[in-house]
């Protein structure tokens, strides 16, 4: 019994020792820093910037707080309006580097907030890499508007608003339209605006001035006049996209003859046709409108014939055939088809100087009132020839 009692006492002591709460050590360990660099500030507020000042620049400095040289790998801005620059050489421990941000305020009135992402890497251990986000913000005060805003296209000392180009868009052969462009003399001397040159017969051009509509005019400095263009699509004798470059002669010492462009997409006017008239009309029917030549080597030529049939009841007339670029030529065997008659449009594509996926179009315009314009597509893949 005595031995049993002694055993129970020993067991109790062992159990008490195991369940006794162990107090935590009182000593603390300072965590070591894993940062490579440290920026005193990561945001800069420019406040209010004048747009006419064009740019604003700030510099963020940083300190290498590691024990190894570090290098900035790159700095990426959140938009193209911000141009970053930075320390290109490695920064030694304890030394400072910089990231500079230039914000382009021109044409960007109003509040802004942009970021720069900075990538940093240890020179010794390339697995140690960090990223930091820097922010610039502010407000751009809009500049007073001037001639460059109202008349943005400048040729010599003459400005055009909005451009030295008028586009009539789609215009029917029964239409006449008039458009105008404003001219501004940006010089300190009077400018002679003379009669336009190279004007086709279906276009009329004049100047609208305080003296009325004239064919020539002396434009005072810092003053405006208007070029008025009248377009008669019916007398153009053409179809589809039509492009003309006119010349505006002046006495400007810089570029005296100014180019002036007039474009239009001319469509035939068929009138309001009844169902019976549509049934009697010509109809352009292509066996296919696309051709894939597969893979070719650069410099090879591809020839394909698209077949066109007049599925209507009156003669079908091919008004125009035009390729999208000079590398492609297209010629129809015939330009007028009787009902039921067919022809081919031979398309030749020259792949010289081209590579990769390529697609070209040929526009065919007919007197089919249902679908006067058809685009034929020739496409494929061009392998570059290595020397």
Protein backbone atom coordinates (compact mmCIF):
# COMPACT_ATOMS: atom_id res chain seq x y z
CA UNK A 1 0.00 0.00 0.00
CA UNK A 2 2.83 2.36 0.89
CA UNK A 3 4.40 1.71 -2.50
CA UNK A 4 1.09 2.38 -4.24
CA UNK A 5 0.59 5.64 -2.38
CA UNK A 6 4.08 6.77 -3.24
CA UNK A 7 3.47 5.99 -6.90
CA UNK A 8 0.27 8.05 -6.92
CA UNK A 9 2.08 11.00 -5.36
CA UNK A 10 4.84 10.89 -8.02
CA UNK A 11 2.27 10.66 -10.83
CA UNK A 12 0.41 13.67 -9.47
CA UNK A 13 3.58 15.71 -9.32
CA UNK A 14 4.43 14.83 -12.94
CA UNK A 15 0.91 15.74 -14.13
CA UNK A 16 1.04 19.08 -12.27
CA UNK A 17 4.40 19.88 -13.81
CA UNK A 18 3.10 19.19 -17.37
CA UNK A 19 -0.06 21.33 -17.00
CA UNK A 20 1.70 24.24 -15.37
CA UNK A 21 1.40 27.49 -17.53
CA UNK A 22 4.74 28.57 -18.93
CA UNK A 23 5.17 32.35 -19.04
CA UNK A 24 6.39 33.95 -22.35
CA UNK A 25 9.92 35.35 -22.53
CA UNK A 26 10.13 39.04 -21.75
CA UNK A 27 12.82 39.81 -24.41
CA UNK A 28 11.59 41.31 -27.75
CA UNK A 29 13.18 40.93 -31.20
CA UNK A 30 13.18 43.94 -33.54
CA UNK A 31 11.97 42.87 -37.04
CA UNK A 32 14.49 43.59 -39.75
CA UNK A 33 13.38 45.90 -42.61
CA UNK A 34 12.94 44.28 -46.03
CA UNK A 35 12.59 47.55 -47.95
CA UNK A 36 15.11 48.40 -50.62
CA UNK A 37 14.33 52.12 -50.84
CA UNK A 38 12.27 54.69 -49.00
CA UNK A 39 10.47 57.77 -50.39
CA UNK A 40 9.95 60.67 -47.95
CA UNK A 41 6.79 61.46 -49.93
CA UNK A 42 4.88 59.48 -52.56
CA UNK A 43 2.38 62.15 -53.65
CA UNK A 44 2.78 65.64 -55.08
CA UNK A 45 0.05 68.22 -55.54
CA UNK A 46 0.91 70.82 -58.19
CA UNK A 47 -2.07 72.91 -57.16
CA UNK A 48 -3.29 75.12 -59.99
CA UNK A 49 -1.32 75.08 -63.27
CA UNK A 50 -1.83 77.42 -66.20
CA UNK A 51 -2.44 75.53 -69.41
CA UNK A 52 -0.33 78.05 -71.33
CA UNK A 53 2.69 77.06 -69.18
CA UNK A 54 2.39 73.72 -71.06
CA UNK A 55 4.30 71.50 -68.57
CA UNK A 56 4.84 71.07 -64.84
CA UNK A 57 7.64 69.01 -63.28
CA UNK A 58 8.30 67.56 -59.85
CA UNK A 59 11.02 65.33 -58.43
CA UNK A 60 10.57 62.51 -55.90
CA UNK A 61 13.76 61.60 -54.04
CA UNK A 62 14.38 58.26 -52.37
CA UNK A 63 17.03 56.75 -50.11
CA UNK A 64 18.56 53.28 -50.41
CA UNK A 65 17.77 51.80 -46.95
CA UNK A 66 19.13 48.34 -47.76
CA UNK A 67 22.67 47.01 -47.45
CA UNK A 68 23.10 46.48 -51.18
CA UNK A 69 23.23 48.75 -54.25
CA UNK A 70 19.84 49.06 -55.95
CA UNK A 71 18.75 50.06 -59.43
CA UNK A 72 15.50 51.41 -60.82
CA UNK A 73 14.46 49.00 -63.56
CA UNK A 74 11.78 51.21 -65.06
CA UNK A 75 9.07 53.77 -64.31
CA UNK A 76 5.72 53.50 -66.08
CA UNK A 77 3.25 56.38 -66.16
CA UNK A 78 -0.50 55.73 -66.13
CA UNK A 79 -0.95 57.79 -69.30
CA UNK A 80 1.02 59.38 -72.12
CA UNK A 81 0.46 62.85 -70.64
CA UNK A 82 3.15 62.12 -68.03
CA UNK A 83 6.81 61.66 -68.96
CA UNK A 84 9.02 60.04 -66.29
CA UNK A 85 12.79 60.13 -65.87
CA UNK A 86 14.91 58.60 -63.09
CA UNK A 87 18.34 57.72 -61.73
CA UNK A 88 19.97 55.43 -64.26
CA UNK A 89 23.02 54.36 -62.25
CA UNK A 90 22.90 52.00 -59.24
CA UNK A 91 22.29 53.79 -55.92
CA UNK A 92 24.65 52.76 -53.12
CA UNK A 93 23.40 51.96 -49.58
CA UNK A 94 22.55 55.15 -47.70
CA UNK A 95 22.64 57.25 -50.88
CA UNK A 96 19.78 59.00 -52.68
CA UNK A 97 18.25 58.66 -56.13
CA UNK A 98 15.28 60.31 -57.82
CA UNK A 99 12.20 59.85 -59.98
CA UNK A 100 11.05 62.88 -61.95
CA UNK A 101 7.57 63.38 -63.42
CA UNK A 102 6.77 65.88 -66.18
CA UNK A 103 3.07 66.50 -66.74
CA UNK A 104 1.93 67.90 -70.10
CA UNK A 105 -0.90 70.31 -69.28
CA UNK A 106 -1.44 71.58 -72.84
CA UNK A 107 -4.91 70.69 -74.07
CA UNK A 108 -5.86 69.11 -70.72
CA UNK A 109 -7.84 71.66 -68.70
CA UNK A 110 -9.42 70.52 -65.43
CA UNK A 111 -8.43 68.38 -62.42
CA UNK A 112 -6.05 65.47 -62.91
CA UNK A 113 -4.54 62.61 -60.91
CA UNK A 114 -1.87 60.38 -62.45
CA UNK A 115 0.37 57.64 -61.13
CA UNK A 116 3.89 56.35 -61.79
CA UNK A 117 4.82 52.75 -61.02
CA UNK A 118 8.48 52.41 -59.98
CA UNK A 119 10.21 49.02 -60.17
CA UNK A 120 13.39 48.61 -58.08
CA UNK A 121 15.76 45.64 -57.86
CA UNK A 122 18.81 44.73 -55.80
CA UNK A 123 22.03 44.68 -57.81
CA UNK A 124 23.37 41.64 -55.93
CA UNK A 125 20.26 39.56 -55.37
CA UNK A 126 18.00 39.87 -58.44
CA UNK A 127 15.20 38.04 -56.62
CA UNK A 128 14.74 41.13 -54.47
CA UNK A 129 12.41 43.37 -56.44
CA UNK A 130 9.86 45.94 -55.26
CA UNK A 131 7.28 48.28 -56.75
CA UNK A 132 6.21 51.70 -55.54
CA UNK A 133 3.32 53.91 -56.65
CA UNK A 134 3.89 57.66 -56.89
CA UNK A 135 1.01 60.08 -57.50
CA UNK A 136 0.87 63.54 -59.04
CA UNK A 137 -2.28 65.64 -59.07
CA UNK A 138 -3.50 69.16 -59.58
CA UNK A 139 -5.78 71.31 -61.69
CA UNK A 140 -5.03 72.82 -65.07
CA UNK A 141 -6.56 76.27 -65.55
CA UNK A 142 -7.78 76.60 -69.16
CA UNK A 143 -5.95 79.12 -71.30
CA UNK A 144 -7.76 81.87 -73.19
CA UNK A 145 -8.87 80.58 -76.61
CA UNK A 146 -7.03 81.95 -79.62
CA UNK A 147 -6.69 81.52 -83.40
CA UNK A 148 -4.90 78.18 -83.01
CA UNK A 149 -8.06 76.80 -81.36
CA UNK A 150 -10.63 78.13 -83.82
CA UNK A 151 -8.46 77.66 -86.94
CA UNK A 152 -6.16 74.75 -86.05
CA UNK A 153 -4.74 73.98 -89.51
CA UNK A 154 -1.91 76.35 -90.44
CA UNK A 155 -0.20 76.57 -93.84
CA UNK A 156 2.38 79.31 -93.85
CA UNK A 157 0.67 82.36 -92.34
CA UNK A 158 -2.84 81.29 -93.30
CA UNK A 159 -4.99 79.32 -90.89
CA UNK A 160 -7.99 77.13 -91.78
CA UNK A 161 -10.91 76.28 -89.54
CA UNK A 162 -11.32 73.46 -89.03
CA UNK A 163 -9.10 72.26 -91.91
CA UNK A 164 -8.05 72.87 -95.52
CA UNK A 165 -10.55 70.20 -96.55
CA UNK A 166 -14.28 69.99 -97.20
CA UNK A 167 -16.01 66.62 -97.31
CA UNK A 168 -19.48 66.36 -98.82
CA UNK A 169 -19.89 62.80 -97.59
CA UNK A 170 -22.39 60.75 -99.60
CA UNK A 171 -24.08 62.87 -102.23
CA UNK A 172 -26.58 61.74 -104.88
CA UNK A 173 -26.22 62.62 -108.56
CA UNK A 174 -29.34 64.80 -108.33
CA UNK A 175 -27.89 66.94 -105.55
CA UNK A 176 -26.00 70.21 -105.26
CA UNK A 177 -24.50 71.16 -101.93
CA UNK A 178 -22.52 74.05 -100.50
CA UNK A 179 -19.97 73.94 -97.66
CA UNK A 180 -17.57 76.53 -96.31
CA UNK A 181 -14.27 76.81 -94.44
CA UNK A 182 -13.03 79.83 -92.51
CA UNK A 183 -9.67 81.43 -93.33
CA UNK A 184 -7.64 83.49 -90.84
CA UNK A 185 -4.67 85.71 -91.71
CA UNK A 186 -2.20 84.96 -88.93
CA UNK A 187 0.38 87.46 -90.17
CA UNK A 188 0.82 91.19 -89.60
CA UNK A 189 0.43 92.01 -93.29
CA UNK A 190 -2.51 91.86 -95.72
CA UNK A 191 -2.68 88.58 -97.63
CA UNK A 192 -3.85 88.26 -101.21
CA UNK A 193 -6.28 85.40 -101.73
CA UNK A 194 -6.26 84.82 -105.47
CA UNK A 195 -8.45 82.76 -107.82
CA UNK A 196 -8.37 79.05 -107.04
CA UNK A 197 -6.50 76.80 -109.47
CA UNK A 198 -7.14 73.24 -110.68
CA UNK A 199 -10.88 73.48 -110.01
CA UNK A 200 -12.95 70.84 -111.92
CA UNK A 201 -16.04 72.02 -113.77
CA UNK A 202 -18.53 70.51 -111.28
CA UNK A 203 -17.03 72.52 -108.38
CA UNK A 204 -17.33 76.28 -107.84
CA UNK A 205 -15.17 78.09 -105.30
CA UNK A 206 -15.47 81.66 -104.06
CA UNK A 207 -14.64 83.86 -101.06
CA UNK A 208 -17.36 85.18 -98.77
CA UNK A 209 -16.20 88.55 -97.42
CA UNK A 210 -17.69 91.76 -96.02
CA UNK A 211 -17.69 92.93 -99.63
CA UNK A 212 -19.86 89.98 -100.65
CA UNK A 213 -18.96 86.88 -102.68
CA UNK A 214 -15.80 87.43 -104.72
CA UNK A 215 -13.31 85.30 -106.64
CA UNK A 216 -10.27 87.08 -105.15
CA UNK A 217 -9.77 89.07 -101.97
CA UNK A 218 -7.14 90.88 -99.89
CA UNK A 219 -7.50 89.55 -96.34
CA UNK A 220 -6.46 92.07 -93.64
CA UNK A 221 -4.08 90.87 -90.88
CA UNK A 222 -5.76 89.05 -87.98
CA UNK A 223 -9.02 88.96 -89.94
CA UNK A 224 -11.19 86.21 -91.44
CA UNK A 225 -12.97 85.29 -94.66
CA UNK A 226 -14.69 82.14 -95.84
CA UNK A 227 -14.02 79.75 -98.70
CA UNK A 228 -17.38 78.68 -100.12
CA UNK A 229 -17.44 75.42 -102.14
CA UNK A 230 -20.43 74.40 -104.27
CA UNK A 231 -20.55 70.78 -105.47
CA UNK A 232 -22.70 69.55 -108.37
CA UNK A 233 -22.63 65.75 -108.16
CA UNK A 234 -24.68 65.26 -111.32
CA UNK A 235 -22.14 66.93 -113.56
CA UNK A 236 -19.12 65.25 -111.97
CA UNK A 237 -19.29 62.30 -114.38
CA UNK A 238 -17.94 60.04 -111.67
CA UNK A 239 -19.08 57.64 -108.96
CA UNK A 240 -17.84 56.41 -105.61
CA UNK A 241 -15.16 58.21 -103.61
CA UNK A 242 -13.94 61.22 -105.58
CA UNK A 243 -10.93 63.29 -104.47
CA UNK A 244 -9.69 66.64 -105.77
CA UNK A 245 -6.72 68.75 -104.68
CA UNK A 246 -7.24 72.43 -105.50
CA UNK A 247 -4.68 75.20 -105.10
CA UNK A 248 -5.29 78.40 -103.19
CA UNK A 249 -2.73 80.91 -104.53
CA UNK A 250 -1.60 83.71 -102.19
CA UNK A 251 1.25 86.20 -101.82
CA UNK A 252 2.33 84.53 -98.58
CA UNK A 253 6.13 84.36 -98.43
CA UNK A 254 5.79 80.94 -96.78
CA UNK A 255 4.12 78.34 -99.02
CA UNK A 256 2.27 80.73 -101.36
CA UNK A 257 0.19 77.98 -103.06
CA UNK A 258 -1.90 76.30 -100.38
CA UNK A 259 -3.40 72.84 -101.06
CA UNK A 260 -7.15 72.63 -100.55
CA UNK A 261 -8.96 69.28 -100.68
CA UNK A 262 -12.51 68.49 -101.76
CA UNK A 263 -13.93 64.97 -101.38
CA UNK A 264 -17.29 63.29 -101.92
CA UNK A 265 -18.83 59.85 -102.24
CA UNK A 266 -21.09 60.09 -105.31
CA UNK A 267 -24.04 57.72 -105.57
CA UNK A 268 -26.38 57.43 -108.53
CA UNK A 269 -29.90 58.68 -107.97
CA UNK A 270 -32.47 56.20 -109.26
CA UNK A 271 -35.58 58.03 -108.11
CA UNK A 272 -38.46 56.48 -106.21
CA UNK A 273 -38.86 53.12 -107.97
CA UNK A 274 -42.00 51.01 -107.75
CA UNK A 275 -41.85 47.26 -107.14
CA UNK A 276 -42.53 46.69 -110.83
CA UNK A 277 -39.68 49.03 -111.84
CA UNK A 278 -37.33 47.19 -109.49
CA UNK A 279 -38.30 43.87 -111.06
CA UNK A 280 -37.49 45.30 -114.49
CA UNK A 281 -34.19 46.86 -113.38
CA UNK A 282 -30.72 45.38 -113.94
CA UNK A 283 -29.27 43.25 -111.16
CA UNK A 284 -25.59 42.65 -110.42
CA UNK A 285 -25.00 39.12 -109.19
CA UNK A 286 -21.47 37.94 -108.29
CA UNK A 287 -20.62 34.25 -108.03
CA UNK A 288 -18.45 35.24 -105.02
CA UNK A 289 -17.21 38.48 -103.50
CA UNK A 290 -14.20 37.12 -101.58
CA UNK A 291 -11.07 35.21 -102.57
CA UNK A 292 -8.48 33.81 -100.17
CA UNK A 293 -5.17 33.03 -101.85
CA UNK A 294 -3.78 31.22 -98.79
CA UNK A 295 -0.03 31.65 -98.20
CA UNK A 296 2.33 33.25 -100.69
CA UNK A 297 5.86 34.63 -100.53
CA UNK A 298 6.48 38.36 -100.68
CA UNK A 299 6.94 39.47 -104.28
CA UNK A 300 4.54 36.94 -105.76
CA UNK A 301 1.53 38.10 -107.76
CA UNK A 302 -1.97 36.73 -107.32
CA UNK A 303 -4.51 36.79 -110.15
CA UNK A 304 -8.18 35.99 -109.63
CA UNK A 305 -11.28 36.47 -111.74
CA UNK A 306 -14.60 37.40 -110.12
CA UNK A 307 -17.60 36.46 -112.22
CA UNK A 308 -20.45 38.97 -112.60
CA UNK A 309 -23.85 38.18 -114.16
CA UNK A 310 -26.72 40.49 -115.02
CA UNK A 311 -29.64 38.71 -113.34
CA UNK A 312 -32.03 41.56 -114.15
CA UNK A 313 -34.24 42.46 -117.11
CA UNK A 314 -32.45 45.56 -118.38
CA UNK A 315 -28.81 46.18 -119.40
CA UNK A 316 -26.35 46.28 -116.52
CA UNK A 317 -23.69 48.99 -116.79
CA UNK A 318 -20.45 48.86 -114.80
CA UNK A 319 -19.96 52.51 -113.85
CA UNK A 320 -16.60 52.19 -112.12
CA UNK A 321 -14.07 49.65 -110.85
CA UNK A 322 -11.50 50.93 -108.38
CA UNK A 323 -8.91 49.12 -106.21
CA UNK A 324 -8.12 50.23 -102.68
CA UNK A 325 -4.40 50.65 -103.37
CA UNK A 326 -1.85 50.80 -106.17
CA UNK A 327 -0.73 47.25 -105.42
CA UNK A 328 -4.01 45.95 -106.84
CA UNK A 329 -5.33 46.27 -110.40
CA UNK A 330 -8.83 45.35 -111.58
CA UNK A 331 -10.24 45.26 -115.10
CA UNK A 332 -13.64 44.05 -116.32
CA UNK A 333 -13.84 42.22 -119.65
CA UNK A 334 -17.00 44.15 -120.51
CA UNK A 335 -18.69 47.22 -119.02
CA UNK A 336 -22.24 46.60 -120.32
CA UNK A 337 -24.11 43.32 -119.93
CA UNK A 338 -27.39 42.29 -121.50
CA UNK A 339 -29.93 40.44 -119.33
CA UNK A 340 -28.49 37.00 -118.49
CA UNK A 341 -25.02 37.91 -119.79
CA UNK A 342 -21.86 37.44 -117.69
CA UNK A 343 -18.36 38.86 -117.56
CA UNK A 344 -15.27 38.56 -115.38
CA UNK A 345 -13.42 41.18 -113.40
CA UNK A 346 -9.74 40.26 -113.34
CA UNK A 347 -7.98 41.30 -110.13
CA UNK A 348 -4.17 41.26 -109.89
CA UNK A 349 -2.47 41.71 -106.52
CA UNK A 350 1.29 42.39 -106.21
CA UNK A 351 2.63 41.38 -102.78
CA UNK A 352 6.02 43.08 -103.19
CA UNK A 353 7.10 44.80 -99.98
CA UNK A 354 4.29 43.30 -97.90
CA UNK A 355 4.12 40.68 -95.15
CA UNK A 356 1.69 39.11 -92.69
CA UNK A 357 -2.07 39.00 -93.04
CA UNK A 358 -3.21 41.22 -95.89
CA UNK A 359 -6.58 42.21 -97.30
CA UNK A 360 -7.36 44.44 -100.28
CA UNK A 361 -10.67 45.51 -101.76
CA UNK A 362 -11.96 46.37 -105.20
CA UNK A 363 -15.07 48.57 -105.41
CA UNK A 364 -17.44 47.82 -108.27
CA UNK A 365 -20.18 50.38 -108.98
CA UNK A 366 -23.07 49.51 -111.32
CA UNK A 367 -26.52 50.81 -112.23
CA UNK A 368 -28.20 48.15 -110.09
CA UNK A 369 -30.59 50.25 -107.94
CA UNK A 370 -30.84 47.58 -105.22
CA UNK A 371 -27.10 47.45 -104.59
CA UNK A 372 -25.11 49.86 -106.74
CA UNK A 373 -21.84 49.29 -104.84
CA UNK A 374 -20.14 45.93 -104.24
CA UNK A 375 -16.78 45.39 -102.56
CA UNK A 376 -14.68 42.46 -103.76
CA UNK A 377 -12.13 41.21 -101.23
CA UNK A 378 -8.83 39.47 -101.98
CA UNK A 379 -6.89 38.32 -98.93
CA UNK A 380 -4.34 35.90 -97.56
CA UNK A 381 -1.03 35.63 -95.72
CA UNK A 382 2.30 36.85 -97.08
CA UNK A 383 5.56 35.31 -95.90
CA UNK A 384 8.50 37.67 -95.79
CA UNK A 385 11.49 36.58 -97.85
CA UNK A 386 14.68 36.37 -95.76
CA UNK A 387 18.00 37.02 -97.41
